[in-house]
Amino acid sequence: GPPNAYTHLYTSWNMCFTMGLANFPILLVKLLIPAVSDLTTTPDCFMHRRAVALYLTVASQLSRSLKNTRTYAVPDSLRGVRETWARVNYSYWEQYQTHIQ
């Protein structure tokens, strides 16, 4: 599977990305559950588990939108947090790129 540094960066980027979406509290939790984020028991299955979780989440979100289920808006107060998080992720991505080259 991918090296731990990459998977941690990938997970952090995913979490940051979800903060810009409706229902982000639900999406954020889905990224953190051990069945999706565990690297210790079966690290070779990490990307497969992420892909399955993404598929199920997209299907769930589409179903919610068709049913006109309540969504949770992203508070303006989190905009700065998300932007800072994105900058930190980018900085770590640059360090990672330097390390693997």
PDB file of N, CA and C in Angstrom:
ATOM      1  N   GLY A   1       0.812  -1.199   0.000  1.00  0.00           N
ATOM      2  CA  GLY A   1       0.000   0.000   0.000  1.00  0.00           C
ATOM      3  C   GLY A   1       0.853   1.259   0.000  1.00  0.00           C
ATOM      4  N   PRO A   2       0.220   2.417  -0.057  1.00  0.00           N
ATOM      5  CA  PRO A   2       0.957   3.677  -0.059  1.00  0.00           C
ATOM      6  C   PRO A   2       1.707   3.867   1.254  1.00  0.00           C
ATOM      7  N   PRO A   3       2.821   4.592   1.219  1.00  0.00           N
ATOM      8  CA  PRO A   3       3.550   4.867   2.464  1.00  0.00           C
ATOM      9  C   PRO A   3       2.678   5.670   3.433  1.00  0.00           C
ATOM     10  N   ASN A   4       2.951   5.503   4.727  1.00  0.00           N
ATOM     11  CA  ASN A   4       2.151   6.196   5.736  1.00  0.00           C
ATOM     12  C   ASN A   4       2.121   7.704   5.552  1.00  0.00           C
ATOM     13  N   ALA A   5       3.251   8.317   5.188  1.00  0.00           N
ATOM     14  CA  ALA A   5       3.273   9.772   5.017  1.00  0.00           C
ATOM     15  C   ALA A   5       2.255  10.199   3.965  1.00  0.00           C
ATOM     16  N   TYR A   6       2.186   9.454   2.864  1.00  0.00           N
ATOM     17  CA  TYR A   6       1.228   9.786   1.811  1.00  0.00           C
ATOM     18  C   TYR A   6      -0.202   9.598   2.287  1.00  0.00           C
ATOM     19  N   THR A   7      -0.477   8.494   2.967  1.00  0.00           N
ATOM     20  CA  THR A   7      -1.853   8.232   3.395  1.00  0.00           C
ATOM     21  C   THR A   7      -2.317   9.250   4.421  1.00  0.00           C
ATOM     22  N   HIS A   8      -1.423   9.684   5.297  1.00  0.00           N
ATOM     23  CA  HIS A   8      -1.808  10.721   6.266  1.00  0.00           C
ATOM     24  C   HIS A   8      -2.084  12.048   5.557  1.00  0.00           C
ATOM     25  N   LEU A   9      -1.258  12.390   4.592  1.00  0.00           N
ATOM     26  CA  LEU A   9      -1.466  13.615   3.830  1.00  0.00           C
ATOM     27  C   LEU A   9      -2.759  13.532   3.026  1.00  0.00           C
ATOM     28  N   TYR A  10      -2.997  12.402   2.404  1.00  0.00           N
ATOM     29  CA  TYR A  10      -4.214  12.185   1.620  1.00  0.00           C
ATOM     30  C   TYR A  10      -5.458  12.310   2.510  1.00  0.00           C
ATOM     31  N   THR A  11      -5.403  11.703   3.678  1.00  0.00           N
ATOM     32  CA  THR A  11      -6.528  11.777   4.619  1.00  0.00           C
ATOM     33  C   THR A  11      -6.763  13.214   5.063  1.00  0.00           C
ATOM     34  N   SER A  12      -5.701  13.927   5.368  1.00  0.00           N
ATOM     35  CA  SER A  12      -5.830  15.319   5.788  1.00  0.00           C
ATOM     36  C   SER A  12      -6.420  16.175   4.671  1.00  0.00           C
ATOM     37  N   TRP A  13      -5.960  15.948   3.436  1.00  0.00           N
ATOM     38  CA  TRP A  13      -6.508  16.701   2.307  1.00  0.00           C
ATOM     39  C   TRP A  13      -8.003  16.411   2.156  1.00  0.00           C
ATOM     40  N   ASN A  14      -8.398  15.134   2.267  1.00  0.00           N
ATOM     41  CA  ASN A  14      -9.817  14.764   2.171  1.00  0.00           C
ATOM     42  C   ASN A  14     -10.650  15.467   3.228  1.00  0.00           C
ATOM     43  N   MET A  15     -10.150  15.491   4.457  1.00  0.00           N
ATOM     44  CA  MET A  15     -10.881  16.134   5.549  1.00  0.00           C
ATOM     45  C   MET A  15     -11.027  17.632   5.294  1.00  0.00           C
ATOM     46  N   CYS A  16      -9.971  18.260   4.838  1.00  0.00           N
ATOM     47  CA  CYS A  16     -10.012  19.685   4.522  1.00  0.00           C
ATOM     48  C   CYS A  16     -11.014  19.944   3.395  1.00  0.00           C
ATOM     49  N   PHE A  17     -10.980  19.112   2.374  1.00  0.00           N
ATOM     50  CA  PHE A  17     -11.891  19.260   1.242  1.00  0.00           C
ATOM     51  C   PHE A  17     -13.351  19.182   1.678  1.00  0.00           C
ATOM     52  N   THR A  18     -13.666  18.233   2.560  1.00  0.00           N
ATOM     53  CA  THR A  18     -15.060  18.056   2.971  1.00  0.00           C
ATOM     54  C   THR A  18     -15.594  19.253   3.745  1.00  0.00           C
ATOM     55  N   MET A  19     -14.708  20.040   4.336  1.00  0.00           N
ATOM     56  CA  MET A  19     -15.174  21.214   5.087  1.00  0.00           C
ATOM     57  C   MET A  19     -15.848  22.243   4.185  1.00  0.00           C
ATOM     58  N   GLY A  20     -15.659  22.142   2.883  1.00  0.00           N
ATOM     59  CA  GLY A  20     -16.300  23.068   1.957  1.00  0.00           C
ATOM     60  C   GLY A  20     -17.608  22.549   1.390  1.00  0.00           C
ATOM     61  N   LEU A  21     -18.039  21.379   1.819  1.00  0.00           N
ATOM     62  CA  LEU A  21     -19.245  20.756   1.274  1.00  0.00           C
ATOM     63  C   LEU A  21     -20.396  20.800   2.261  1.00  0.00           C
ATOM     64  N   ALA A  22     -21.606  20.799   1.711  1.00  0.00           N
ATOM     65  CA  ALA A  22     -22.782  20.670   2.577  1.00  0.00           C
ATOM     66  C   ALA A  22     -22.691  19.321   3.286  1.00  0.00           C
ATOM     67  N   ASN A  23     -23.199  19.255   4.473  1.00  0.00           N
ATOM     68  CA  ASN A  23     -23.170  18.040   5.304  1.00  0.00           C
ATOM     69  C   ASN A  23     -21.761  17.645   5.711  1.00  0.00           C
ATOM     70  N   PHE A  24     -20.870  18.622   5.778  1.00  0.00           N
ATOM     71  CA  PHE A  24     -19.478  18.287   6.085  1.00  0.00           C
ATOM     72  C   PHE A  24     -19.303  17.571   7.424  1.00  0.00           C
ATOM     73  N   PRO A  25     -20.116  17.843   8.466  1.00  0.00           N
ATOM     74  CA  PRO A  25     -19.896  17.087   9.710  1.00  0.00           C
ATOM     75  C   PRO A  25     -20.084  15.575   9.507  1.00  0.00           C
ATOM     76  N   ILE A  26     -21.050  15.205   8.697  1.00  0.00           N
ATOM     77  CA  ILE A  26     -21.303  13.794   8.424  1.00  0.00           C
ATOM     78  C   ILE A  26     -20.150  13.212   7.602  1.00  0.00           C
ATOM     79  N   LEU A  27     -19.702  13.951   6.604  1.00  0.00           N
ATOM     80  CA  LEU A  27     -18.632  13.475   5.734  1.00  0.00           C
ATOM     81  C   LEU A  27     -17.315  13.341   6.489  1.00  0.00           C
ATOM     82  N   LEU A  28     -17.039  14.295   7.351  1.00  0.00           N
ATOM     83  CA  LEU A  28     -15.793  14.280   8.119  1.00  0.00           C
ATOM     84  C   LEU A  28     -15.713  13.038   9.004  1.00  0.00           C
ATOM     85  N   VAL A  29     -16.797  12.721   9.661  1.00  0.00           N
ATOM     86  CA  VAL A  29     -16.834  11.550  10.536  1.00  0.00           C
ATOM     87  C   VAL A  29     -16.632  10.270   9.722  1.00  0.00           C
ATOM     88  N   LYS A  30     -17.219  10.211   8.538  1.00  0.00           N
ATOM     89  CA  LYS A  30     -17.080   9.015   7.706  1.00  0.00           C
ATOM     90  C   LYS A  30     -15.633   8.782   7.289  1.00  0.00           C
ATOM     91  N   LEU A  31     -14.846   9.842   7.193  1.00  0.00           N
ATOM     92  CA  LEU A  31     -13.439   9.688   6.835  1.00  0.00           C
ATOM     93  C   LEU A  31     -12.597   9.182   8.006  1.00  0.00           C
ATOM     94  N   LEU A  32     -13.082   9.369   9.216  1.00  0.00           N
ATOM     95  CA  LEU A  32     -12.295   9.045  10.396  1.00  0.00           C
ATOM     96  C   LEU A  32     -12.603   7.687  11.012  1.00  0.00           C
ATOM     97  N   ILE A  33     -13.680   7.046  10.585  1.00  0.00           N
ATOM     98  CA  ILE A  33     -14.006   5.760  11.194  1.00  0.00           C
ATOM     99  C   ILE A  33     -12.890   4.754  10.897  1.00  0.00           C
ATOM    100  N   PRO A  34     -12.558   3.905  11.853  1.00  0.00           N
ATOM    101  CA  PRO A  34     -11.445   2.963  11.677  1.00  0.00           C
ATOM    102  C   PRO A  34     -11.570   2.069  10.449  1.00  0.00           C
ATOM    103  N   ALA A  35     -12.778   1.701  10.084  1.00  0.00           N
ATOM    104  CA  ALA A  35     -12.943   0.834   8.912  1.00  0.00           C
ATOM    105  C   ALA A  35     -12.441   1.505   7.636  1.00  0.00           C
ATOM    106  N   VAL A  36     -12.370   2.826   7.637  1.00  0.00           N
ATOM    107  CA  VAL A  36     -11.911   3.574   6.465  1.00  0.00           C
ATOM    108  C   VAL A  36     -10.471   4.037   6.625  1.00  0.00           C
ATOM    109  N   SER A  37     -10.113   4.475   7.808  1.00  0.00           N
ATOM    110  CA  SER A  37      -8.818   5.146   7.983  1.00  0.00           C
ATOM    111  C   SER A  37      -7.715   4.283   8.595  1.00  0.00           C
ATOM    112  N   ASP A  38      -8.017   3.061   8.970  1.00  0.00           N
ATOM    113  CA  ASP A  38      -7.020   2.210   9.642  1.00  0.00           C
ATOM    114  C   ASP A  38      -5.860   1.853   8.721  1.00  0.00           C
ATOM    115  N   LEU A  39      -4.657   2.096   9.204  1.00  0.00           N
ATOM    116  CA  LEU A  39      -3.453   1.744   8.453  1.00  0.00           C
ATOM    117  C   LEU A  39      -2.689   0.598   9.098  1.00  0.00           C
ATOM    118  N   THR A  40      -3.126   0.165  10.263  1.00  0.00           N
ATOM    119  CA  THR A  40      -2.333  -0.806  11.010  1.00  0.00           C
ATOM    120  C   THR A  40      -2.641  -2.257  10.653  1.00  0.00           C
ATOM    121  N   THR A  41      -3.890  -2.593  10.441  1.00  0.00           N
ATOM    122  CA  THR A  41      -4.228  -4.006  10.231  1.00  0.00           C
ATOM    123  C   THR A  41      -4.020  -4.453   8.789  1.00  0.00           C
ATOM    124  N   THR A  42      -4.512  -3.668   7.831  1.00  0.00           N
ATOM    125  CA  THR A  42      -4.374  -4.037   6.413  1.00  0.00           C
ATOM    126  C   THR A  42      -4.029  -2.794   5.591  1.00  0.00           C
ATOM    127  N   PRO A  43      -2.793  -2.314   5.692  1.00  0.00           N
ATOM    128  CA  PRO A  43      -2.434  -1.088   4.974  1.00  0.00           C
ATOM    129  C   PRO A  43      -2.564  -1.212   3.457  1.00  0.00           C
ATOM    130  N   ASP A  44      -2.448  -2.411   2.914  1.00  0.00           N
ATOM    131  CA  ASP A  44      -2.575  -2.571   1.467  1.00  0.00           C
ATOM    132  C   ASP A  44      -3.996  -2.325   0.966  1.00  0.00           C
ATOM    133  N   CYS A  45      -4.959  -2.338   1.869  1.00  0.00           N
ATOM    134  CA  CYS A  45      -6.361  -2.133   1.486  1.00  0.00           C
ATOM    135  C   CYS A  45      -6.821  -0.693   1.700  1.00  0.00           C
ATOM    136  N   PHE A  46      -5.918   0.190   2.104  1.00  0.00           N
ATOM    137  CA  PHE A  46      -6.292   1.564   2.437  1.00  0.00           C
ATOM    138  C   PHE A  46      -7.045   2.242   1.294  1.00  0.00           C
ATOM    139  N   MET A  47      -6.487   2.264   0.089  1.00  0.00           N
ATOM    140  CA  MET A  47      -7.133   2.971  -1.020  1.00  0.00           C
ATOM    141  C   MET A  47      -8.438   2.289  -1.432  1.00  0.00           C
ATOM    142  N   HIS A  48      -8.490   0.979  -1.337  1.00  0.00           N
ATOM    143  CA  HIS A  48      -9.737   0.278  -1.652  1.00  0.00           C
ATOM    144  C   HIS A  48     -10.842   0.689  -0.678  1.00  0.00           C
ATOM    145  N   ARG A  49     -10.508   0.708   0.615  1.00  0.00           N
ATOM    146  CA  ARG A  49     -11.507   1.115   1.622  1.00  0.00           C
ATOM    147  C   ARG A  49     -11.951   2.558   1.385  1.00  0.00           C
ATOM    148  N   ARG A  50     -11.008   3.439   1.027  1.00  0.00           N
ATOM    149  CA  ARG A  50     -11.351   4.842   0.752  1.00  0.00           C
ATOM    150  C   ARG A  50     -12.283   4.932  -0.451  1.00  0.00           C
ATOM    151  N   ALA A  51     -12.001   4.161  -1.485  1.00  0.00           N
ATOM    152  CA  ALA A  51     -12.838   4.199  -2.689  1.00  0.00           C
ATOM    153  C   ALA A  51     -14.255   3.700  -2.386  1.00  0.00           C
ATOM    154  N   VAL A  52     -14.364   2.629  -1.625  1.00  0.00           N
ATOM    155  CA  VAL A  52     -15.685   2.110  -1.249  1.00  0.00           C
ATOM    156  C   VAL A  52     -16.427   3.143  -0.399  1.00  0.00           C
ATOM    157  N   ALA A  53     -15.739   3.747   0.552  1.00  0.00           N
ATOM    158  CA  ALA A  53     -16.369   4.767   1.405  1.00  0.00           C
ATOM    159  C   ALA A  53     -16.820   5.958   0.567  1.00  0.00           C
ATOM    160  N   LEU A  54     -16.007   6.355  -0.405  1.00  0.00           N
ATOM    161  CA  LEU A  54     -16.384   7.468  -1.284  1.00  0.00           C
ATOM    162  C   LEU A  54     -17.633   7.126  -2.084  1.00  0.00           C
ATOM    163  N   TYR A  55     -17.660   5.930  -2.640  1.00  0.00           N
ATOM    164  CA  TYR A  55     -18.826   5.500  -3.408  1.00  0.00           C
ATOM    165  C   TYR A  55     -20.095   5.518  -2.549  1.00  0.00           C
ATOM    166  N   LEU A  56     -20.012   4.938  -1.356  1.00  0.00           N
ATOM    167  CA  LEU A  56     -21.177   4.889  -0.468  1.00  0.00           C
ATOM    168  C   LEU A  56     -21.606   6.281  -0.031  1.00  0.00           C
ATOM    169  N   THR A  57     -20.641   7.157   0.201  1.00  0.00           N
ATOM    170  CA  THR A  57     -20.958   8.527   0.621  1.00  0.00           C
ATOM    171  C   THR A  57     -21.640   9.293  -0.502  1.00  0.00           C
ATOM    172  N   VAL A  58     -21.128   9.175  -1.717  1.00  0.00           N
ATOM    173  CA  VAL A  58     -21.750   9.855  -2.859  1.00  0.00           C
ATOM    174  C   VAL A  58     -23.168   9.330  -3.055  1.00  0.00           C
ATOM    175  N   ALA A  59     -23.355   8.020  -2.991  1.00  0.00           N
ATOM    176  CA  ALA A  59     -24.695   7.440  -3.134  1.00  0.00           C
ATOM    177  C   ALA A  59     -25.626   7.955  -2.045  1.00  0.00           C
ATOM    178  N   SER A  60     -25.132   8.027  -0.832  1.00  0.00           N
ATOM    179  CA  SER A  60     -25.941   8.524   0.287  1.00  0.00           C
ATOM    180  C   SER A  60     -26.313   9.994   0.088  1.00  0.00           C
ATOM    181  N   GLN A  61     -25.337  10.795  -0.335  1.00  0.00           N
ATOM    182  CA  GLN A  61     -25.602  12.224  -0.542  1.00  0.00           C
ATOM    183  C   GLN A  61     -26.598  12.439  -1.681  1.00  0.00           C
ATOM    184  N   LEU A  62     -26.489  11.661  -2.736  1.00  0.00           N
ATOM    185  CA  LEU A  62     -27.457  11.770  -3.828  1.00  0.00           C
ATOM    186  C   LEU A  62     -28.849  11.385  -3.356  1.00  0.00           C
ATOM    187  N   SER A  63     -28.935  10.327  -2.572  1.00  0.00           N
ATOM    188  CA  SER A  63     -30.220   9.902  -2.031  1.00  0.00           C
ATOM    189  C   SER A  63     -30.815  10.989  -1.142  1.00  0.00           C
ATOM    190  N   ARG A  64     -29.975  11.602  -0.296  1.00  0.00           N
ATOM    191  CA  ARG A  64     -30.449  12.672   0.590  1.00  0.00           C
ATOM    192  C   ARG A  64     -30.958  13.860  -0.224  1.00  0.00           C
ATOM    193  N   SER A  65     -30.252  14.190  -1.302  1.00  0.00           N
ATOM    194  CA  SER A  65     -30.667  15.342  -2.097  1.00  0.00           C
ATOM    195  C   SER A  65     -31.982  15.066  -2.827  1.00  0.00           C
ATOM    196  N   LEU A  66     -32.203  13.831  -3.255  1.00  0.00           N
ATOM    197  CA  LEU A  66     -33.455  13.486  -3.928  1.00  0.00           C
ATOM    198  C   LEU A  66     -34.635  13.512  -2.968  1.00  0.00           C
ATOM    199  N   LYS A  67     -34.371  13.255  -1.706  1.00  0.00           N
ATOM    200  CA  LYS A  67     -35.428  13.253  -0.696  1.00  0.00           C
ATOM    201  C   LYS A  67     -35.609  14.628  -0.062  1.00  0.00           C
ATOM    202  N   ASN A  68     -34.818  15.605  -0.501  1.00  0.00           N
ATOM    203  CA  ASN A  68     -34.842  16.947   0.090  1.00  0.00           C
ATOM    204  C   ASN A  68     -34.607  16.902   1.595  1.00  0.00           C
ATOM    205  N   THR A  69     -33.698  16.059   2.021  1.00  0.00           N
ATOM    206  CA  THR A  69     -33.336  15.945   3.428  1.00  0.00           C
ATOM    207  C   THR A  69     -32.533  17.169   3.838  1.00  0.00           C
ATOM    208  N   ARG A  70     -32.684  17.563   5.077  1.00  0.00           N
ATOM    209  CA  ARG A  70     -31.970  18.732   5.590  1.00  0.00           C
ATOM    210  C   ARG A  70     -30.468  18.574   5.412  1.00  0.00           C
ATOM    211  N   THR A  71     -29.816  19.650   5.004  1.00  0.00           N
ATOM    212  CA  THR A  71     -28.361  19.648   4.903  1.00  0.00           C
ATOM    213  C   THR A  71     -27.800  20.628   5.920  1.00  0.00           C
ATOM    214  N   TYR A  72     -26.540  20.471   6.214  1.00  0.00           N
ATOM    215  CA  TYR A  72     -25.857  21.340   7.163  1.00  0.00           C
ATOM    216  C   TYR A  72     -24.926  22.252   6.383  1.00  0.00           C
ATOM    217  N   ALA A  73     -25.164  23.534   6.480  1.00  0.00           N
ATOM    218  CA  ALA A  73     -24.334  24.495   5.761  1.00  0.00           C
ATOM    219  C   ALA A  73     -22.988  24.655   6.459  1.00  0.00           C
ATOM    220  N   VAL A  74     -21.999  25.054   5.688  1.00  0.00           N
ATOM    221  CA  VAL A  74     -20.674  25.304   6.233  1.00  0.00           C
ATOM    222  C   VAL A  74     -20.676  26.690   6.871  1.00  0.00           C
ATOM    223  N   PRO A  75     -20.398  26.778   8.173  1.00  0.00           N
ATOM    224  CA  PRO A  75     -20.375  28.093   8.821  1.00  0.00           C
ATOM    225  C   PRO A  75     -19.242  28.965   8.270  1.00  0.00           C
ATOM    226  N   ASP A  76     -19.519  30.243   8.110  1.00  0.00           N
ATOM    227  CA  ASP A  76     -18.487  31.172   7.634  1.00  0.00           C
ATOM    228  C   ASP A  76     -17.271  31.178   8.540  1.00  0.00           C
ATOM    229  N   SER A  77     -17.478  30.895   9.822  1.00  0.00           N
ATOM    230  CA  SER A  77     -16.365  30.918  10.774  1.00  0.00           C
ATOM    231  C   SER A  77     -15.320  29.845  10.469  1.00  0.00           C
ATOM    232  N   LEU A  78     -15.691  28.827   9.708  1.00  0.00           N
ATOM    233  CA  LEU A  78     -14.746  27.763   9.372  1.00  0.00           C
ATOM    234  C   LEU A  78     -13.944  28.059   8.108  1.00  0.00           C
ATOM    235  N   ARG A  79     -14.307  29.107   7.404  1.00  0.00           N
ATOM    236  CA  ARG A  79     -13.615  29.429   6.157  1.00  0.00           C
ATOM    237  C   ARG A  79     -12.114  29.634   6.401  1.00  0.00           C
ATOM    238  N   GLY A  80     -11.775  30.397   7.431  1.00  0.00           N
ATOM    239  CA  GLY A  80     -10.372  30.641   7.752  1.00  0.00           C
ATOM    240  C   GLY A  80      -9.646  29.374   8.176  1.00  0.00           C
ATOM    241  N   VAL A  81     -10.329  28.533   8.924  1.00  0.00           N
ATOM    242  CA  VAL A  81      -9.742  27.262   9.355  1.00  0.00           C
ATOM    243  C   VAL A  81      -9.427  26.409   8.131  1.00  0.00           C
ATOM    244  N   ARG A  82     -10.367  26.339   7.229  1.00  0.00           N
ATOM    245  CA  ARG A  82     -10.180  25.524   6.022  1.00  0.00           C
ATOM    246  C   ARG A  82      -9.037  26.063   5.167  1.00  0.00           C
ATOM    247  N   GLU A  83      -8.961  27.364   5.011  1.00  0.00           N
ATOM    248  CA  GLU A  83      -7.887  27.961   4.202  1.00  0.00           C
ATOM    249  C   GLU A  83      -6.519  27.715   4.834  1.00  0.00           C
ATOM    250  N   THR A  84      -6.430  27.849   6.152  1.00  0.00           N
ATOM    251  CA  THR A  84      -5.168  27.579   6.842  1.00  0.00           C
ATOM    252  C   THR A  84      -4.797  26.113   6.711  1.00  0.00           C
ATOM    253  N   TRP A  85      -5.774  25.244   6.895  1.00  0.00           N
ATOM    254  CA  TRP A  85      -5.545  23.805   6.769  1.00  0.00           C
ATOM    255  C   TRP A  85      -5.036  23.470   5.369  1.00  0.00           C
ATOM    256  N   ALA A  86      -5.618  24.091   4.354  1.00  0.00           N
ATOM    257  CA  ALA A  86      -5.187  23.851   2.974  1.00  0.00           C
ATOM    258  C   ALA A  86      -3.736  24.292   2.770  1.00  0.00           C
ATOM    259  N   ARG A  87      -3.366  25.436   3.328  1.00  0.00           N
ATOM    260  CA  ARG A  87      -1.978  25.907   3.207  1.00  0.00           C
ATOM    261  C   ARG A  87      -1.002  24.949   3.898  1.00  0.00           C
ATOM    262  N   VAL A  88      -1.382  24.470   5.087  1.00  0.00           N
ATOM    263  CA  VAL A  88      -0.527  23.513   5.805  1.00  0.00           C
ATOM    264  C   VAL A  88      -0.390  22.224   4.998  1.00  0.00           C
ATOM    265  N   ASN A  89      -1.501  21.732   4.454  1.00  0.00           N
ATOM    266  CA  ASN A  89      -1.446  20.528   3.622  1.00  0.00           C
ATOM    267  C   ASN A  89      -0.514  20.733   2.435  1.00  0.00           C
ATOM    268  N   TYR A  90      -0.601  21.888   1.797  1.00  0.00           N
ATOM    269  CA  TYR A  90       0.255  22.165   0.648  1.00  0.00           C
ATOM    270  C   TYR A  90       1.731  22.185   1.057  1.00  0.00           C
ATOM    271  N   SER A  91       2.004  22.769   2.195  1.00  0.00           N
ATOM    272  CA  SER A  91       3.375  22.814   2.691  1.00  0.00           C
ATOM    273  C   SER A  91       3.909  21.396   2.919  1.00  0.00           C
ATOM    274  N   TYR A  92       3.104  20.554   3.539  1.00  0.00           N
ATOM    275  CA  TYR A  92       3.520  19.167   3.761  1.00  0.00           C
ATOM    276  C   TYR A  92       3.637  18.408   2.444  1.00  0.00           C
ATOM    277  N   TRP A  93       2.780  18.728   1.476  1.00  0.00           N
ATOM    278  CA  TRP A  93       2.875  18.093   0.168  1.00  0.00           C
ATOM    279  C   TRP A  93       4.219  18.439  -0.483  1.00  0.00           C
ATOM    280  N   GLU A  94       4.627  19.695  -0.389  1.00  0.00           N
ATOM    281  CA  GLU A  94       5.924  20.101  -0.945  1.00  0.00           C
ATOM    282  C   GLU A  94       7.064  19.339  -0.263  1.00  0.00           C
ATOM    283  N   GLN A  95       6.986  19.204   1.051  1.00  0.00           N
ATOM    284  CA  GLN A  95       8.014  18.447   1.774  1.00  0.00           C
ATOM    285  C   GLN A  95       8.012  16.984   1.350  1.00  0.00           C
ATOM    286  N   TYR A  96       6.841  16.430   1.184  1.00  0.00           N
ATOM    287  CA  TYR A  96       6.723  15.036   0.756  1.00  0.00           C
ATOM    288  C   TYR A  96       7.338  14.856  -0.632  1.00  0.00           C
ATOM    289  N   GLN A  97       7.039  15.778  -1.552  1.00  0.00           N
ATOM    290  CA  GLN A  97       7.587  15.706  -2.905  1.00  0.00           C
ATOM    291  C   GLN A  97       9.117  15.740  -2.885  1.00  0.00           C
ATOM    292  N   THR A  98       9.680  16.595  -2.055  1.00  0.00           N
ATOM    293  CA  THR A  98      11.134  16.689  -1.930  1.00  0.00           C
ATOM    294  C   THR A  98      11.710  15.389  -1.397  1.00  0.00           C
ATOM    295  N   HIS A  99      11.006  14.786  -0.452  1.00  0.00           N
ATOM    296  CA  HIS A  99      11.470  13.545   0.177  1.00  0.00           C
ATOM    297  C   HIS A  99      11.469  12.371  -0.806  1.00  0.00           C
ATOM    298  N   ILE A 100      10.450  12.285  -1.678  1.00  0.00           N
ATOM    299  CA  ILE A 100      10.358  11.114  -2.549  1.00  0.00           C
ATOM    300  C   ILE A 100      11.184  11.245  -3.818  1.00  0.00           C
ATOM    301  N   GLN A 101      11.690  12.440  -4.102  1.00  0.00           N
ATOM    302  CA  GLN A 101      12.477  12.618  -5.330  1.00  0.00           C
ATOM    303  C   GLN A 101      13.924  12.318  -5.142  1.00  0.00           C
TER     304      GLN A 101
END
